[in-house]
Amino acid sequence: MADYLFFKGVTWRRDIMLHERLREFRCKSVEKAREAGIPAYFLDESDGVLRVLPDGRKERILVSEGLLVVLPAGKMRFPQVGPS
């Protein structure tokens, strides 16, 4: 761990690898939940919870002044699988 304090480039590469692994994990989790027909939920570092519905819609779930607030957050694109 001390090596990361001396080599800034190593720390930067390690951070990118961790972000990439987190993105891959989220994609796999969304796909598994989608196959099961249930939403996937993720804690977002910025604020609230991100919910991805089986149809690809994303919603941000927040609590504001003690009330639950659900905001649209876009839509995920899933690869189109056609007939083989």
C-alpha atoms as a PDB file:
ATOM      1  CA  MET A   1       0.000   0.000   0.000  1.00  0.00           C
ATOM      2  CA  ALA A   2       2.919   2.350   0.655  1.00  0.00           C
ATOM      3  CA  ASP A   3       3.875   2.083  -3.055  1.00  0.00           C
ATOM      4  CA  TYR A   4       0.690   3.945  -3.955  1.00  0.00           C
ATOM      5  CA  LEU A   5       1.806   6.940  -1.894  1.00  0.00           C
ATOM      6  CA  PHE A   6       4.979   7.318  -3.953  1.00  0.00           C
ATOM      7  CA  PHE A   7       3.706   6.591  -7.452  1.00  0.00           C
ATOM      8  CA  LYS A   8       0.754   8.787  -8.373  1.00  0.00           C
ATOM      9  CA  GLY A   9       0.351   7.040 -11.727  1.00  0.00           C
ATOM     10  CA  VAL A  10      -0.086   3.688  -9.985  1.00  0.00           C
ATOM     11  CA  THR A  11      -2.830   5.110  -7.757  1.00  0.00           C
ATOM     12  CA  TRP A  12      -4.584   6.638 -10.759  1.00  0.00           C
ATOM     13  CA  ARG A  13      -4.490   3.341 -12.697  1.00  0.00           C
ATOM     14  CA  ARG A  14      -5.725   1.451  -9.647  1.00  0.00           C
ATOM     15  CA  ASP A  15      -8.659   3.868  -9.281  1.00  0.00           C
ATOM     16  CA  ILE A  16      -9.587   3.438 -12.947  1.00  0.00           C
ATOM     17  CA  MET A  17      -9.457  -0.347 -12.574  1.00  0.00           C
ATOM     18  CA  LEU A  18     -11.723  -0.199  -9.509  1.00  0.00           C
ATOM     19  CA  HIS A  19     -14.231   2.046 -11.309  1.00  0.00           C
ATOM     20  CA  GLU A  20     -14.210  -0.296 -14.307  1.00  0.00           C
ATOM     21  CA  ARG A  21     -14.783  -3.332 -12.089  1.00  0.00           C
ATOM     22  CA  LEU A  22     -17.639  -1.526 -10.315  1.00  0.00           C
ATOM     23  CA  ARG A  23     -19.221  -0.649 -13.678  1.00  0.00           C
ATOM     24  CA  GLU A  24     -18.944  -4.279 -14.832  1.00  0.00           C
ATOM     25  CA  PHE A  25     -20.481  -5.489 -11.564  1.00  0.00           C
ATOM     26  CA  ARG A  26     -23.403  -3.080 -11.934  1.00  0.00           C
ATOM     27  CA  CYS A  27     -24.001  -4.116 -15.549  1.00  0.00           C
ATOM     28  CA  LYS A  28     -24.044  -7.804 -14.603  1.00  0.00           C
ATOM     29  CA  SER A  29     -26.353  -7.099 -11.656  1.00  0.00           C
ATOM     30  CA  VAL A  30     -28.761  -5.119 -13.835  1.00  0.00           C
ATOM     31  CA  GLU A  31     -28.832  -7.899 -16.423  1.00  0.00           C
ATOM     32  CA  LYS A  32     -29.522 -10.589 -13.792  1.00  0.00           C
ATOM     33  CA  ALA A  33     -32.305  -8.508 -12.235  1.00  0.00           C
ATOM     34  CA  ARG A  34     -33.744  -7.770 -15.678  1.00  0.00           C
ATOM     35  CA  GLU A  35     -33.831 -11.487 -16.530  1.00  0.00           C
ATOM     36  CA  ALA A  36     -35.698 -12.093 -13.259  1.00  0.00           C
ATOM     37  CA  GLY A  37     -38.104  -9.223 -14.007  1.00  0.00           C
ATOM     38  CA  ILE A  38     -37.186  -7.227 -10.903  1.00  0.00           C
ATOM     39  CA  PRO A  39     -35.505  -3.816 -10.434  1.00  0.00           C
ATOM     40  CA  ALA A  40     -31.832  -3.491  -9.499  1.00  0.00           C
ATOM     41  CA  TYR A  41     -30.827  -1.031  -6.765  1.00  0.00           C
ATOM     42  CA  PHE A  42     -27.459   0.681  -6.229  1.00  0.00           C
ATOM     43  CA  LEU A  43     -26.227   3.165  -3.647  1.00  0.00           C
ATOM     44  CA  ASP A  44     -24.951   6.197  -5.512  1.00  0.00           C
ATOM     45  CA  GLU A  45     -21.859   7.979  -4.206  1.00  0.00           C
ATOM     46  CA  SER A  46     -23.345  11.396  -4.960  1.00  0.00           C
ATOM     47  CA  ASP A  47     -26.778  11.070  -3.389  1.00  0.00           C
ATOM     48  CA  GLY A  48     -29.589   8.610  -2.928  1.00  0.00           C
ATOM     49  CA  VAL A  49     -30.265   5.246  -4.470  1.00  0.00           C
ATOM     50  CA  LEU A  50     -30.367   4.435  -8.158  1.00  0.00           C
ATOM     51  CA  ARG A  51     -33.122   2.025  -9.258  1.00  0.00           C
ATOM     52  CA  VAL A  52     -32.932   0.387 -12.690  1.00  0.00           C
ATOM     53  CA  LEU A  53     -36.261  -1.070 -13.794  1.00  0.00           C
ATOM     54  CA  PRO A  54     -36.453  -4.161 -16.047  1.00  0.00           C
ATOM     55  CA  ASP A  55     -37.468  -1.989 -19.039  1.00  0.00           C
ATOM     56  CA  GLY A  56     -34.247   0.043 -18.647  1.00  0.00           C
ATOM     57  CA  ARG A  57     -35.683   3.167 -17.013  1.00  0.00           C
ATOM     58  CA  LYS A  58     -33.487   4.599 -14.260  1.00  0.00           C
ATOM     59  CA  GLU A  59     -34.832   6.438 -11.225  1.00  0.00           C
ATOM     60  CA  ARG A  60     -33.039   8.251  -8.420  1.00  0.00           C
ATOM     61  CA  ILE A  61     -34.645   7.692  -5.020  1.00  0.00           C
ATOM     62  CA  LEU A  62     -34.028  10.429  -2.442  1.00  0.00           C
ATOM     63  CA  VAL A  63     -35.434  11.479   0.908  1.00  0.00           C
ATOM     64  CA  SER A  64     -36.106  15.210   1.087  1.00  0.00           C
ATOM     65  CA  GLU A  65     -37.523  16.777   4.236  1.00  0.00           C
ATOM     66  CA  GLY A  66     -38.648  13.359   5.412  1.00  0.00           C
ATOM     67  CA  LEU A  67     -40.508  12.570   2.181  1.00  0.00           C
ATOM     68  CA  LEU A  68     -39.615   9.956  -0.422  1.00  0.00           C
ATOM     69  CA  VAL A  69     -38.824  11.529  -3.796  1.00  0.00           C
ATOM     70  CA  VAL A  70     -38.424   9.483  -6.993  1.00  0.00           C
ATOM     71  CA  LEU A  71     -36.871  11.314  -9.952  1.00  0.00           C
ATOM     72  CA  PRO A  72     -36.335  10.005 -13.494  1.00  0.00           C
ATOM     73  CA  ALA A  73     -32.635   9.517 -14.203  1.00  0.00           C
ATOM     74  CA  GLY A  74     -32.628   8.417 -17.839  1.00  0.00           C
ATOM     75  CA  LYS A  75     -32.760   5.062 -19.535  1.00  0.00           C
ATOM     76  CA  MET A  76     -30.252   2.247 -19.951  1.00  0.00           C
ATOM     77  CA  ARG A  77     -29.673   0.833 -23.393  1.00  0.00           C
ATOM     78  CA  PHE A  78     -29.676  -2.921 -23.566  1.00  0.00           C
ATOM     79  CA  PRO A  79     -28.201  -4.819 -26.490  1.00  0.00           C
ATOM     80  CA  GLN A  80     -30.915  -5.885 -28.914  1.00  0.00           C
ATOM     81  CA  VAL A  81     -31.023  -9.639 -29.279  1.00  0.00           C
ATOM     82  CA  GLY A  82     -32.555 -10.682 -32.569  1.00  0.00           C
ATOM     83  CA  PRO A  83     -33.519 -14.077 -33.942  1.00  0.00           C
ATOM     84  CA  SER A  84     -30.587 -16.358 -34.657  1.00  0.00           C
END
